[in-house]
Structure formats: structure tokens, C-alpha cells
Amino acid sequence: MQPLTREETHVMFEKIAKYLGEDLQLLVDRPDGTCFRLHSKWVSYVSKKILTLATNISSDKLVSLGTCFRKFTGTHTFWLHITALDQLALYAKGFRVAAKSTQDCRKVDPMAIMAFH
């Protein structure tokens, strides 16, 4: 497990900032010391406590650690992994869905647009 390079950190934070905006700071500065680490091109979000316990395992035997955010591709693009949604949903406002009941939809303003997928 190694820290991310400056370029990898920049690419990753640009992608996450699209979903979290200014709340990205809350994801990075946590009181439990959770940080991002790179292992075989996979970015993991892991606490410092688990990271220190994992130092006893050799890197070739270590399969995964913490919450997987995504793997960097050969062109250094970064796509979020489905397991990252649990961590992002804590701080993101765009992942919450508010649905109105059928009765409430019938009573809305005639110019209102109601859509639910």
C-alpha cells in the first residue's frame, strides 16, 4: 500500500468533487484518520488503524483493503466503483431521491414537472 502520487490524487479528487463539491473536505479530513491508498492500481479508502495492521501482510499476498474506490486505467482515467457509493452518499446531496406520492402529484401546480425513474 502506497500513497497516491500528486497526479493520481488530482485526477481522483476532480472526479469525486463532481459529486461532493465542497463537501470533499469532509471525506478527506476525518477524525479517524481514514486515507486513500494505492495497491496494484486500485485506490482504497482505508482507516489508519487497519492500514497499520495490514503492514504485517506482504503486498503480493494482500488482495484488497478498505473500501475500493476504483482502478486507474492505462490512460490514467478514473472511474468510480459501485462500492464507493456508500462512502460518497454520506456527504453527497445528489444521491438522495425524494419521491412524492400519487396524491401529491395530482395536487401540484399545473406548470410543475414531475418525473421519477
PDB file of N, CA and C in Angstrom:
ATOM      1  N   MET A   1       0.853  -1.171   0.000  1.00  0.00           N
ATOM      2  CA  MET A   1       0.000   0.000   0.000  1.00  0.00           C
ATOM      3  C   MET A   1       0.890   1.221   0.000  1.00  0.00           C
ATOM      4  N   GLN A   2       0.658   2.069  -0.967  1.00  0.00           N
ATOM      5  CA  GLN A   2       1.450   3.285  -1.067  1.00  0.00           C
ATOM      6  C   GLN A   2       0.530   4.479  -1.245  1.00  0.00           C
ATOM      7  N   PRO A   3       0.972   5.661  -0.830  1.00  0.00           N
ATOM      8  CA  PRO A   3       0.151   6.848  -1.057  1.00  0.00           C
ATOM      9  C   PRO A   3       0.038   7.162  -2.543  1.00  0.00           C
ATOM     10  N   LEU A   4      -0.988   7.900  -2.905  1.00  0.00           N
ATOM     11  CA  LEU A   4      -1.188   8.276  -4.295  1.00  0.00           C
ATOM     12  C   LEU A   4      -0.199   9.372  -4.681  1.00  0.00           C
ATOM     13  N   THR A   5       0.179   9.395  -5.946  1.00  0.00           N
ATOM     14  CA  THR A   5       1.031  10.470  -6.429  1.00  0.00           C
ATOM     15  C   THR A   5       0.200  11.742  -6.560  1.00  0.00           C
ATOM     16  N   ARG A   6       0.882  12.843  -6.792  1.00  0.00           N
ATOM     17  CA  ARG A   6       0.179  14.126  -6.916  1.00  0.00           C
ATOM     18  C   ARG A   6      -0.789  14.105  -8.096  1.00  0.00           C
ATOM     19  N   GLU A   7      -0.368  13.519  -9.215  1.00  0.00           N
ATOM     20  CA  GLU A   7      -1.223  13.452 -10.403  1.00  0.00           C
ATOM     21  C   GLU A   7      -2.440  12.564 -10.162  1.00  0.00           C
ATOM     22  N   GLU A   8      -2.234  11.410  -9.539  1.00  0.00           N
ATOM     23  CA  GLU A   8      -3.343  10.496  -9.256  1.00  0.00           C
ATOM     24  C   GLU A   8      -4.333  11.112  -8.273  1.00  0.00           C
ATOM     25  N   THR A   9      -3.810  11.808  -7.279  1.00  0.00           N
ATOM     26  CA  THR A   9      -4.682  12.479  -6.313  1.00  0.00           C
ATOM     27  C   THR A   9      -5.518  13.551  -6.992  1.00  0.00           C
ATOM     28  N   HIS A  10      -4.903  14.310  -7.878  1.00  0.00           N
ATOM     29  CA  HIS A  10      -5.610  15.375  -8.585  1.00  0.00           C
ATOM     30  C   HIS A  10      -6.731  14.814  -9.453  1.00  0.00           C
ATOM     31  N   VAL A  11      -6.451  13.750 -10.200  1.00  0.00           N
ATOM     32  CA  VAL A  11      -7.462  13.131 -11.068  1.00  0.00           C
ATOM     33  C   VAL A  11      -8.608  12.569 -10.234  1.00  0.00           C
ATOM     34  N   MET A  12      -8.276  11.910  -9.127  1.00  0.00           N
ATOM     35  CA  MET A  12      -9.302  11.304  -8.292  1.00  0.00           C
ATOM     36  C   MET A  12     -10.179  12.363  -7.625  1.00  0.00           C
ATOM     37  N   PHE A  13      -9.562  13.421  -7.093  1.00  0.00           N
ATOM     38  CA  PHE A  13     -10.345  14.452  -6.416  1.00  0.00           C
ATOM     39  C   PHE A  13     -11.208  15.252  -7.388  1.00  0.00           C
ATOM     40  N   GLU A  14     -10.766  15.415  -8.636  1.00  0.00           N
ATOM     41  CA  GLU A  14     -11.613  16.070  -9.634  1.00  0.00           C
ATOM     42  C   GLU A  14     -12.888  15.276  -9.874  1.00  0.00           C
ATOM     43  N   LYS A  15     -12.746  13.941  -9.950  1.00  0.00           N
ATOM     44  CA  LYS A  15     -13.898  13.079 -10.194  1.00  0.00           C
ATOM     45  C   LYS A  15     -14.853  13.101  -8.997  1.00  0.00           C
ATOM     46  N   ILE A  16     -14.308  12.998  -7.792  1.00  0.00           N
ATOM     47  CA  ILE A  16     -15.148  12.964  -6.594  1.00  0.00           C
ATOM     48  C   ILE A  16     -15.796  14.322  -6.344  1.00  0.00           C
ATOM     49  N   ALA A  17     -15.102  15.413  -6.705  1.00  0.00           N
ATOM     50  CA  ALA A  17     -15.647  16.756  -6.494  1.00  0.00           C
ATOM     51  C   ALA A  17     -16.890  17.006  -7.340  1.00  0.00           C
ATOM     52  N   LYS A  18     -17.058  16.264  -8.437  1.00  0.00           N
ATOM     53  CA  LYS A  18     -18.271  16.410  -9.247  1.00  0.00           C
ATOM     54  C   LYS A  18     -19.504  15.998  -8.458  1.00  0.00           C
ATOM     55  N   TYR A  19     -19.328  15.053  -7.538  1.00  0.00           N
ATOM     56  CA  TYR A  19     -20.452  14.556  -6.756  1.00  0.00           C
ATOM     57  C   TYR A  19     -20.574  15.236  -5.399  1.00  0.00           C
ATOM     58  N   LEU A  20     -19.446  15.569  -4.782  1.00  0.00           N
ATOM     59  CA  LEU A  20     -19.481  16.106  -3.421  1.00  0.00           C
ATOM     60  C   LEU A  20     -19.351  17.620  -3.358  1.00  0.00           C
ATOM     61  N   GLY A  21     -18.718  18.231  -4.338  1.00  0.00           N
ATOM     62  CA  GLY A  21     -18.498  19.670  -4.308  1.00  0.00           C
ATOM     63  C   GLY A  21     -17.564  20.045  -3.165  1.00  0.00           C
ATOM     64  N   GLU A  22     -17.972  21.015  -2.373  1.00  0.00           N
ATOM     65  CA  GLU A  22     -17.141  21.472  -1.263  1.00  0.00           C
ATOM     66  C   GLU A  22     -17.092  20.468  -0.112  1.00  0.00           C
ATOM     67  N   ASP A  23     -18.017  19.519  -0.088  1.00  0.00           N
ATOM     68  CA  ASP A  23     -18.033  18.508   0.968  1.00  0.00           C
ATOM     69  C   ASP A  23     -16.932  17.468   0.793  1.00  0.00           C
ATOM     70  N   LEU A  24     -16.124  17.605  -0.237  1.00  0.00           N
ATOM     71  CA  LEU A  24     -14.973  16.722  -0.433  1.00  0.00           C
ATOM     72  C   LEU A  24     -14.021  16.811   0.752  1.00  0.00           C
ATOM     73  N   GLN A  25     -13.947  17.990   1.347  1.00  0.00           N
ATOM     74  CA  GLN A  25     -13.080  18.191   2.519  1.00  0.00           C
ATOM     75  C   GLN A  25     -13.512  17.294   3.680  1.00  0.00           C
ATOM     76  N   LEU A  26     -14.804  17.042   3.819  1.00  0.00           N
ATOM     77  CA  LEU A  26     -15.298  16.172   4.889  1.00  0.00           C
ATOM     78  C   LEU A  26     -14.869  14.724   4.688  1.00  0.00           C
ATOM     79  N   LEU A  27     -14.738  14.316   3.442  1.00  0.00           N
ATOM     80  CA  LEU A  27     -14.298  12.960   3.134  1.00  0.00           C
ATOM     81  C   LEU A  27     -12.814  12.788   3.416  1.00  0.00           C
ATOM     82  N   VAL A  28     -12.039  13.832   3.207  1.00  0.00           N
ATOM     83  CA  VAL A  28     -10.585  13.752   3.372  1.00  0.00           C
ATOM     84  C   VAL A  28     -10.170  13.933   4.829  1.00  0.00           C
ATOM     85  N   ASP A  29     -10.707  14.926   5.503  1.00  0.00           N
ATOM     86  CA  ASP A  29     -10.315  15.241   6.883  1.00  0.00           C
ATOM     87  C   ASP A  29     -11.265  14.597   7.883  1.00  0.00           C
ATOM     88  N   ARG A  30     -11.105  13.315   8.079  1.00  0.00           N
ATOM     89  CA  ARG A  30     -11.943  12.595   9.036  1.00  0.00           C
ATOM     90  C   ARG A  30     -11.188  12.404  10.335  1.00  0.00           C
ATOM     91  N   PRO A  31     -11.885  12.402  11.463  1.00  0.00           N
ATOM     92  CA  PRO A  31     -11.188  12.263  12.752  1.00  0.00           C
ATOM     93  C   PRO A  31     -10.564  10.891  12.971  1.00  0.00           C
ATOM     94  N   ASP A  32     -11.055   9.857  12.290  1.00  0.00           N
ATOM     95  CA  ASP A  32     -10.482   8.526  12.480  1.00  0.00           C
ATOM     96  C   ASP A  32      -9.237   8.298  11.630  1.00  0.00           C
ATOM     97  N   GLY A  33      -8.839   9.286  10.846  1.00  0.00           N
ATOM     98  CA  GLY A  33      -7.616   9.178  10.062  1.00  0.00           C
ATOM     99  C   GLY A  33      -7.748   8.327   8.824  1.00  0.00           C
ATOM    100  N   THR A  34      -8.917   8.248   8.254  1.00  0.00           N
ATOM    101  CA  THR A  34      -9.120   7.464   7.040  1.00  0.00           C
ATOM    102  C   THR A  34      -8.435   8.169   5.874  1.00  0.00           C
ATOM    103  N   CYS A  35      -7.748   7.395   5.032  1.00  0.00           N
ATOM    104  CA  CYS A  35      -6.998   7.982   3.927  1.00  0.00           C
ATOM    105  C   CYS A  35      -7.106   7.102   2.686  1.00  0.00           C
ATOM    106  N   PHE A  36      -6.625   7.631   1.580  1.00  0.00           N
ATOM    107  CA  PHE A  36      -6.619   6.903   0.314  1.00  0.00           C
ATOM    108  C   PHE A  36      -5.247   6.274   0.115  1.00  0.00           C
ATOM    109  N   ARG A  37      -5.262   5.011  -0.320  1.00  0.00           N
ATOM    110  CA  ARG A  37      -4.021   4.297  -0.601  1.00  0.00           C
ATOM    111  C   ARG A  37      -4.150   3.570  -1.925  1.00  0.00           C
ATOM    112  N   LEU A  38      -3.020   3.351  -2.579  1.00  0.00           N
ATOM    113  CA  LEU A  38      -2.967   2.700  -3.875  1.00  0.00           C
ATOM    114  C   LEU A  38      -2.327   1.329  -3.721  1.00  0.00           C
ATOM    115  N   HIS A  39      -2.992   0.304  -4.260  1.00  0.00           N
ATOM    116  CA  HIS A  39      -2.457  -1.047  -4.231  1.00  0.00           C
ATOM    117  C   HIS A  39      -2.781  -1.702  -5.565  1.00  0.00           C
ATOM    118  N   SER A  40      -1.770  -1.957  -6.360  1.00  0.00           N
ATOM    119  CA  SER A  40      -1.931  -2.572  -7.685  1.00  0.00           C
ATOM    120  C   SER A  40      -2.910  -1.794  -8.559  1.00  0.00           C
ATOM    121  N   LYS A  41      -2.749  -0.489  -8.611  1.00  0.00           N
ATOM    122  CA  LYS A  41      -3.598   0.423  -9.396  1.00  0.00           C
ATOM    123  C   LYS A  41      -5.024   0.554  -8.863  1.00  0.00           C
ATOM    124  N   TRP A  42      -5.342  -0.099  -7.747  1.00  0.00           N
ATOM    125  CA  TRP A  42      -6.653   0.045  -7.125  1.00  0.00           C
ATOM    126  C   TRP A  42      -6.553   1.067  -6.008  1.00  0.00           C
ATOM    127  N   VAL A  43      -7.467   2.024  -5.967  1.00  0.00           N
ATOM    128  CA  VAL A  43      -7.488   3.035  -4.923  1.00  0.00           C
ATOM    129  C   VAL A  43      -8.443   2.579  -3.837  1.00  0.00           C
ATOM    130  N   SER A  44      -7.942   2.507  -2.607  1.00  0.00           N
ATOM    131  CA  SER A  44      -8.750   2.073  -1.468  1.00  0.00           C
ATOM    132  C   SER A  44      -8.855   3.202  -0.458  1.00  0.00           C
ATOM    133  N   TYR A  45      -9.983   3.250   0.208  1.00  0.00           N
ATOM    134  CA  TYR A  45     -10.244   4.224   1.264  1.00  0.00           C
ATOM    135  C   TYR A  45     -10.215   3.440   2.571  1.00  0.00           C
ATOM    136  N   VAL A  46      -9.159   3.600   3.343  1.00  0.00           N
ATOM    137  CA  VAL A  46      -8.913   2.732   4.492  1.00  0.00           C
ATOM    138  C   VAL A  46      -8.532   3.561   5.709  1.00  0.00           C
ATOM    139  N   SER A  47      -8.926   3.080   6.892  1.00  0.00           N
ATOM    140  CA  SER A  47      -8.586   3.785   8.120  1.00  0.00           C
ATOM    141  C   SER A  47      -7.130   3.514   8.490  1.00  0.00           C
ATOM    142  N   LYS A  48      -6.551   4.436   9.237  1.00  0.00           N
ATOM    143  CA  LYS A  48      -5.143   4.302   9.643  1.00  0.00           C
ATOM    144  C   LYS A  48      -4.933   3.067  10.516  1.00  0.00           C
ATOM    145  N   LYS A  49      -5.931   2.737  11.326  1.00  0.00           N
ATOM    146  CA  LYS A  49      -5.804   1.578  12.214  1.00  0.00           C
ATOM    147  C   LYS A  49      -5.677   0.285  11.405  1.00  0.00           C
ATOM    148  N   ILE A  50      -6.533   0.114  10.413  1.00  0.00           N
ATOM    149  CA  ILE A  50      -6.474  -1.079   9.573  1.00  0.00           C
ATOM    150  C   ILE A  50      -5.225  -1.066   8.706  1.00  0.00           C
ATOM    151  N   LEU A  51      -4.800   0.118   8.294  1.00  0.00           N
ATOM    152  CA  LEU A  51      -3.600   0.231   7.482  1.00  0.00           C
ATOM    153  C   LEU A  51      -2.364  -0.221   8.249  1.00  0.00           C
ATOM    154  N   THR A  52      -2.273   0.119   9.518  1.00  0.00           N
ATOM    155  CA  THR A  52      -1.125  -0.319  10.313  1.00  0.00           C
ATOM    156  C   THR A  52      -1.171  -1.828  10.574  1.00  0.00           C
ATOM    157  N   LEU A  53      -2.366  -2.380  10.724  1.00  0.00           N
ATOM    158  CA  LEU A  53      -2.477  -3.826  10.900  1.00  0.00           C
ATOM    159  C   LEU A  53      -2.117  -4.585   9.621  1.00  0.00           C
ATOM    160  N   ALA A  54      -2.354  -3.975   8.472  1.00  0.00           N
ATOM    161  CA  ALA A  54      -2.084  -4.635   7.197  1.00  0.00           C
ATOM    162  C   ALA A  54      -0.604  -4.615   6.823  1.00  0.00           C
ATOM    163  N   THR A  55       0.214  -3.878   7.552  1.00  0.00           N
ATOM    164  CA  THR A  55       1.641  -3.852   7.228  1.00  0.00           C
ATOM    165  C   THR A  55       2.308  -5.196   7.498  1.00  0.00           C
ATOM    166  N   ASN A  56       1.676  -6.054   8.287  1.00  0.00           N
ATOM    167  CA  ASN A  56       2.222  -7.379   8.557  1.00  0.00           C
ATOM    168  C   ASN A  56       2.032  -8.347   7.396  1.00  0.00           C
ATOM    169  N   ILE A  57       1.201  -7.977   6.425  1.00  0.00           N
ATOM    170  CA  ILE A  57       0.916  -8.839   5.275  1.00  0.00           C
ATOM    171  C   ILE A  57       1.737  -8.339   4.091  1.00  0.00           C
ATOM    172  N   SER A  58       2.392  -9.246   3.406  1.00  0.00           N
ATOM    173  CA  SER A  58       3.189  -8.836   2.249  1.00  0.00           C
ATOM    174  C   SER A  58       2.268  -8.339   1.134  1.00  0.00           C
ATOM    175  N   SER A  59       2.763  -7.411   0.338  1.00  0.00           N
ATOM    176  CA  SER A  59       1.917  -6.775  -0.668  1.00  0.00           C
ATOM    177  C   SER A  59       1.488  -7.729  -1.771  1.00  0.00           C
ATOM    178  N   ASP A  60       2.283  -8.768  -2.048  1.00  0.00           N
ATOM    179  CA  ASP A  60       1.867  -9.712  -3.087  1.00  0.00           C
ATOM    180  C   ASP A  60       0.774 -10.664  -2.607  1.00  0.00           C
ATOM    181  N   LYS A  61       0.616 -10.828  -1.304  1.00  0.00           N
ATOM    182  CA  LYS A  61      -0.436 -11.685  -0.755  1.00  0.00           C
ATOM    183  C   LYS A  61      -1.714 -10.897  -0.418  1.00  0.00           C
ATOM    184  N   LEU A  62      -1.603  -9.580  -0.339  1.00  0.00           N
ATOM    185  CA  LEU A  62      -2.747  -8.734   0.001  1.00  0.00           C
ATOM    186  C   LEU A  62      -3.662  -8.586  -1.218  1.00  0.00           C
ATOM    187  N   VAL A  63      -4.908  -8.958  -1.066  1.00  0.00           N
ATOM    188  CA  VAL A  63      -5.851  -8.891  -2.171  1.00  0.00           C
ATOM    189  C   VAL A  63      -6.557  -7.547  -2.192  1.00  0.00           C
ATOM    190  N   SER A  64      -7.146  -7.159  -1.070  1.00  0.00           N
ATOM    191  CA  SER A  64      -7.896  -5.916  -1.007  1.00  0.00           C
ATOM    192  C   SER A  64      -7.866  -5.397   0.420  1.00  0.00           C
ATOM    193  N   LEU A  65      -8.101  -4.113   0.552  1.00  0.00           N
ATOM    194  CA  LEU A  65      -8.063  -3.482   1.864  1.00  0.00           C
ATOM    195  C   LEU A  65      -8.956  -2.255   1.854  1.00  0.00           C
ATOM    196  N   GLY A  66      -9.828  -2.132   2.823  1.00  0.00           N
ATOM    197  CA  GLY A  66     -10.698  -0.970   2.919  1.00  0.00           C
ATOM    198  C   GLY A  66     -11.794  -0.988   1.866  1.00  0.00           C
ATOM    199  N   THR A  67     -12.305   0.188   1.550  1.00  0.00           N
ATOM    200  CA  THR A  67     -13.355   0.347   0.551  1.00  0.00           C
ATOM    201  C   THR A  67     -12.719   0.684  -0.784  1.00  0.00           C
ATOM    202  N   CYS A  68     -13.003  -0.114  -1.780  1.00  0.00           N
ATOM    203  CA  CYS A  68     -12.437   0.109  -3.109  1.00  0.00           C
ATOM    204  C   CYS A  68     -13.146   1.283  -3.772  1.00  0.00           C
ATOM    205  N   PHE A  69     -12.387   2.283  -4.209  1.00  0.00           N
ATOM    206  CA  PHE A  69     -12.969   3.405  -4.930  1.00  0.00           C
ATOM    207  C   PHE A  69     -12.906   3.181  -6.440  1.00  0.00           C
ATOM    208  N   ARG A  70     -11.782   2.717  -6.963  1.00  0.00           N
ATOM    209  CA  ARG A  70     -11.699   2.364  -8.376  1.00  0.00           C
ATOM    210  C   ARG A  70     -10.266   2.114  -8.773  1.00  0.00           C
ATOM    211  N   LYS A  71     -10.122   1.549  -9.941  1.00  0.00           N
ATOM    212  CA  LYS A  71      -8.808   1.267 -10.505  1.00  0.00           C
ATOM    213  C   LYS A  71      -8.464   2.328 -11.541  1.00  0.00           C
ATOM    214  N   PHE A  72      -7.222   2.765 -11.532  1.00  0.00           N
ATOM    215  CA  PHE A  72      -6.751   3.670 -12.570  1.00  0.00           C
ATOM    216  C   PHE A  72      -6.537   2.868 -13.844  1.00  0.00           C
ATOM    217  N   THR A  73      -6.993   3.389 -14.961  1.00  0.00           N
ATOM    218  CA  THR A  73      -6.813   2.715 -16.234  1.00  0.00           C
ATOM    219  C   THR A  73      -5.433   3.038 -16.790  1.00  0.00           C
ATOM    220  N   GLY A  74      -5.111   2.479 -17.930  1.00  0.00           N
ATOM    221  CA  GLY A  74      -3.818   2.728 -18.555  1.00  0.00           C
ATOM    222  C   GLY A  74      -3.632   4.165 -18.989  1.00  0.00           C
ATOM    223  N   THR A  75      -4.727   4.863 -19.266  1.00  0.00           N
ATOM    224  CA  THR A  75      -4.652   6.268 -19.673  1.00  0.00           C
ATOM    225  C   THR A  75      -4.830   7.209 -18.485  1.00  0.00           C
ATOM    226  N   HIS A  76      -4.747   6.679 -17.284  1.00  0.00           N
ATOM    227  CA  HIS A  76      -4.883   7.431 -16.028  1.00  0.00           C
ATOM    228  C   HIS A  76      -6.239   8.106 -15.878  1.00  0.00           C
ATOM    229  N   THR A  77      -7.271   7.501 -16.458  1.00  0.00           N
ATOM    230  CA  THR A  77      -8.622   7.970 -16.179  1.00  0.00           C
ATOM    231  C   THR A  77      -9.123   7.255 -14.939  1.00  0.00           C
ATOM    232  N   PHE A  78     -10.089   7.835 -14.291  1.00  0.00           N
ATOM    233  CA  PHE A  78     -10.565   7.326 -13.013  1.00  0.00           C
ATOM    234  C   PHE A  78     -12.069   7.203 -13.058  1.00  0.00           C
ATOM    235  N   TRP A  79     -12.566   5.982 -12.891  1.00  0.00           N
ATOM    236  CA  TRP A  79     -13.999   5.720 -12.861  1.00  0.00           C
ATOM    237  C   TRP A  79     -14.353   5.222 -11.470  1.00  0.00           C
ATOM    238  N   LEU A  80     -15.408   5.761 -10.904  1.00  0.00           N
ATOM    239  CA  LEU A  80     -15.821   5.344  -9.562  1.00  0.00           C
ATOM    240  C   LEU A  80     -16.399   3.942  -9.587  1.00  0.00           C
ATOM    241  N   HIS A  81     -16.125   3.196  -8.560  1.00  0.00           N
ATOM    242  CA  HIS A  81     -16.607   1.830  -8.409  1.00  0.00           C
ATOM    243  C   HIS A  81     -17.890   1.856  -7.588  1.00  0.00           C
ATOM    244  N   ILE A  82     -18.727   0.860  -7.724  1.00  0.00           N
ATOM    245  CA  ILE A  82     -20.010   0.809  -7.021  1.00  0.00           C
ATOM    246  C   ILE A  82     -19.837   0.762  -5.506  1.00  0.00           C
ATOM    247  N   THR A  83     -18.720   0.219  -5.033  1.00  0.00           N
ATOM    248  CA  THR A  83     -18.501   0.143  -3.590  1.00  0.00           C
ATOM    249  C   THR A  83     -18.206   1.510  -2.984  1.00  0.00           C
ATOM    250  N   ALA A  84     -17.867   2.495  -3.799  1.00  0.00           N
ATOM    251  CA  ALA A  84     -17.580   3.835  -3.300  1.00  0.00           C
ATOM    252  C   ALA A  84     -18.853   4.613  -2.964  1.00  0.00           C
ATOM    253  N   LEU A  85     -19.989   4.152  -3.443  1.00  0.00           N
ATOM    254  CA  LEU A  85     -21.234   4.895  -3.242  1.00  0.00           C
ATOM    255  C   LEU A  85     -21.619   5.009  -1.773  1.00  0.00           C
ATOM    256  N   ASP A  86     -21.313   3.985  -0.976  1.00  0.00           N
ATOM    257  CA  ASP A  86     -21.641   4.066   0.450  1.00  0.00           C
ATOM    258  C   ASP A  86     -20.891   5.200   1.125  1.00  0.00           C
ATOM    259  N   GLN A  87     -19.637   5.399   0.778  1.00  0.00           N
ATOM    260  CA  GLN A  87     -18.850   6.477   1.371  1.00  0.00           C
ATOM    261  C   GLN A  87     -19.259   7.840   0.821  1.00  0.00           C
ATOM    262  N   LEU A  88     -19.551   7.906  -0.469  1.00  0.00           N
ATOM    263  CA  LEU A  88     -19.928   9.178  -1.078  1.00  0.00           C
ATOM    264  C   LEU A  88     -21.325   9.621  -0.664  1.00  0.00           C
ATOM    265  N   ALA A  89     -22.210   8.672  -0.415  1.00  0.00           N
ATOM    266  CA  ALA A  89     -23.585   9.007  -0.058  1.00  0.00           C
ATOM    267  C   ALA A  89     -23.676   9.700   1.295  1.00  0.00           C
ATOM    268  N   LEU A  90     -22.683   9.522   2.145  1.00  0.00           N
ATOM    269  CA  LEU A  90     -22.691  10.186   3.447  1.00  0.00           C
ATOM    270  C   LEU A  90     -22.598  11.697   3.313  1.00  0.00           C
ATOM    271  N   TYR A  91     -21.928  12.168   2.278  1.00  0.00           N
ATOM    272  CA  TYR A  91     -21.678  13.600   2.120  1.00  0.00           C
ATOM    273  C   TYR A  91     -22.321  14.205   0.885  1.00  0.00           C
ATOM    274  N   ALA A  92     -22.775  13.404  -0.058  1.00  0.00           N
ATOM    275  CA  ALA A  92     -23.325  13.924  -1.309  1.00  0.00           C
ATOM    276  C   ALA A  92     -24.798  14.257  -1.160  1.00  0.00           C
ATOM    277  N   LYS A  93     -25.192  15.300  -1.845  1.00  0.00           N
ATOM    278  CA  LYS A  93     -26.596  15.692  -1.850  1.00  0.00           C
ATOM    279  C   LYS A  93     -27.299  15.144  -3.102  1.00  0.00           C
ATOM    280  N   GLY A  94     -26.542  14.731  -4.127  1.00  0.00           N
ATOM    281  CA  GLY A  94     -27.144  14.289  -5.384  1.00  0.00           C
ATOM    282  C   GLY A  94     -27.575  12.872  -5.387  1.00  0.00           C
ATOM    283  N   PHE A  95     -27.247  12.038  -4.350  1.00  0.00           N
ATOM    284  CA  PHE A  95     -27.617  10.630  -4.327  1.00  0.00           C
ATOM    285  C   PHE A  95     -28.954  10.391  -3.639  1.00  0.00           C
ATOM    286  N   ARG A  96     -29.500  11.401  -3.002  1.00  0.00           N
ATOM    287  CA  ARG A  96     -30.768  11.217  -2.303  1.00  0.00           C
ATOM    288  C   ARG A  96     -31.920  11.416  -3.280  1.00  0.00           C
ATOM    289  N   VAL A  97     -32.943  10.601  -3.171  1.00  0.00           N
ATOM    290  CA  VAL A  97     -34.092  10.692  -4.056  1.00  0.00           C
ATOM    291  C   VAL A  97     -35.316  11.006  -3.216  1.00  0.00           C
ATOM    292  N   ALA A  98     -36.036  12.004  -3.641  1.00  0.00           N
ATOM    293  CA  ALA A  98     -37.275  12.353  -2.955  1.00  0.00           C
ATOM    294  C   ALA A  98     -38.423  12.086  -3.915  1.00  0.00           C
ATOM    295  N   ALA A  99     -39.329  11.229  -3.526  1.00  0.00           N
ATOM    296  CA  ALA A  99     -40.467  10.884  -4.371  1.00  0.00           C
ATOM    297  C   ALA A  99     -41.750  11.333  -3.681  1.00  0.00           C
ATOM    298  N   LYS A 100     -42.642  11.808  -4.462  1.00  0.00           N
ATOM    299  CA  LYS A 100     -43.940  12.216  -3.925  1.00  0.00           C
ATOM    300  C   LYS A 100     -44.957  11.116  -4.204  1.00  0.00           C
ATOM    301  N   SER A 101     -45.944  11.063  -3.362  1.00  0.00           N
ATOM    302  CA  SER A 101     -46.986  10.068  -3.569  1.00  0.00           C
ATOM    303  C   SER A 101     -47.861  10.477  -4.760  1.00  0.00           C
ATOM    304  N   THR A 102     -48.674   9.550  -5.199  1.00  0.00           N
ATOM    305  CA  THR A 102     -49.561   9.825  -6.328  1.00  0.00           C
ATOM    306  C   THR A 102     -50.532  10.945  -5.989  1.00  0.00           C
ATOM    307  N   GLN A 103     -51.024  10.978  -4.770  1.00  0.00           N
ATOM    308  CA  GLN A 103     -51.947  12.032  -4.347  1.00  0.00           C
ATOM    309  C   GLN A 103     -51.277  13.399  -4.398  1.00  0.00           C
ATOM    310  N   ASP A 104     -50.004  13.462  -3.962  1.00  0.00           N
ATOM    311  CA  ASP A 104     -49.284  14.737  -4.004  1.00  0.00           C
ATOM    312  C   ASP A 104     -49.015  15.169  -5.441  1.00  0.00           C
ATOM    313  N   CYS A 105     -48.791  14.238  -6.327  1.00  0.00           N
ATOM    314  CA  CYS A 105     -48.545  14.567  -7.734  1.00  0.00           C
ATOM    315  C   CYS A 105     -49.791  15.134  -8.398  1.00  0.00           C
ATOM    316  N   ARG A 106     -50.941  14.702  -7.966  1.00  0.00           N
ATOM    317  CA  ARG A 106     -52.193  15.205  -8.544  1.00  0.00           C
ATOM    318  C   ARG A 106     -52.501  16.623  -8.096  1.00  0.00           C
ATOM    319  N   LYS A 107     -51.927  17.035  -6.976  1.00  0.00           N
ATOM    320  CA  LYS A 107     -52.235  18.348  -6.403  1.00  0.00           C
ATOM    321  C   LYS A 107     -51.180  19.408  -6.721  1.00  0.00           C
ATOM    322  N   VAL A 108     -50.173  19.100  -7.523  1.00  0.00           N
ATOM    323  CA  VAL A 108     -49.123  20.072  -7.803  1.00  0.00           C
ATOM    324  C   VAL A 108     -49.599  21.121  -8.784  1.00  0.00           C
ATOM    325  N   ASP A 109     -48.829  22.175  -8.901  1.00  0.00           N
ATOM    326  CA  ASP A 109     -49.097  23.272  -9.818  1.00  0.00           C
ATOM    327  C   ASP A 109     -49.117  22.724 -11.251  1.00  0.00           C
ATOM    328  N   PRO A 110     -50.015  23.234 -12.115  1.00  0.00           N
ATOM    329  CA  PRO A 110     -50.086  22.720 -13.487  1.00  0.00           C
ATOM    330  C   PRO A 110     -48.797  22.913 -14.291  1.00  0.00           C
ATOM    331  N   MET A 111     -47.974  23.855 -13.920  1.00  0.00           N
ATOM    332  CA  MET A 111     -46.730  24.100 -14.636  1.00  0.00           C
ATOM    333  C   MET A 111     -45.554  23.297 -14.068  1.00  0.00           C
ATOM    334  N   ALA A 112     -45.790  22.533 -13.017  1.00  0.00           N
ATOM    335  CA  ALA A 112     -44.719  21.757 -12.398  1.00  0.00           C
ATOM    336  C   ALA A 112     -44.415  20.513 -13.237  1.00  0.00           C
ATOM    337  N   ILE A 113     -43.177  20.094 -13.167  1.00  0.00           N
ATOM    338  CA  ILE A 113     -42.763  18.897 -13.882  1.00  0.00           C
ATOM    339  C   ILE A 113     -42.466  17.825 -12.856  1.00  0.00           C
ATOM    340  N   MET A 114     -43.119  16.679 -13.010  1.00  0.00           N
ATOM    341  CA  MET A 114     -42.913  15.566 -12.097  1.00  0.00           C
ATOM    342  C   MET A 114     -42.302  14.428 -12.911  1.00  0.00           C
ATOM    343  N   ALA A 115     -41.160  13.941 -12.467  1.00  0.00           N
ATOM    344  CA  ALA A 115     -40.503  12.829 -13.152  1.00  0.00           C
ATOM    345  C   ALA A 115     -39.854  11.944 -12.106  1.00  0.00           C
ATOM    346  N   PHE A 116     -40.030  10.634 -12.262  1.00  0.00           N
ATOM    347  CA  PHE A 116     -39.377   9.703 -11.381  1.00  0.00           C
ATOM    348  C   PHE A 116     -39.020   8.469 -12.176  1.00  0.00           C
ATOM    349  N   HIS A 117     -37.771   8.132 -12.154  1.00  0.00           N
ATOM    350  CA  HIS A 117     -37.319   6.990 -12.946  1.00  0.00           C
ATOM    351  C   HIS A 117     -36.946   5.868 -11.997  1.00  0.00           C
TER     352      HIS A 117
END
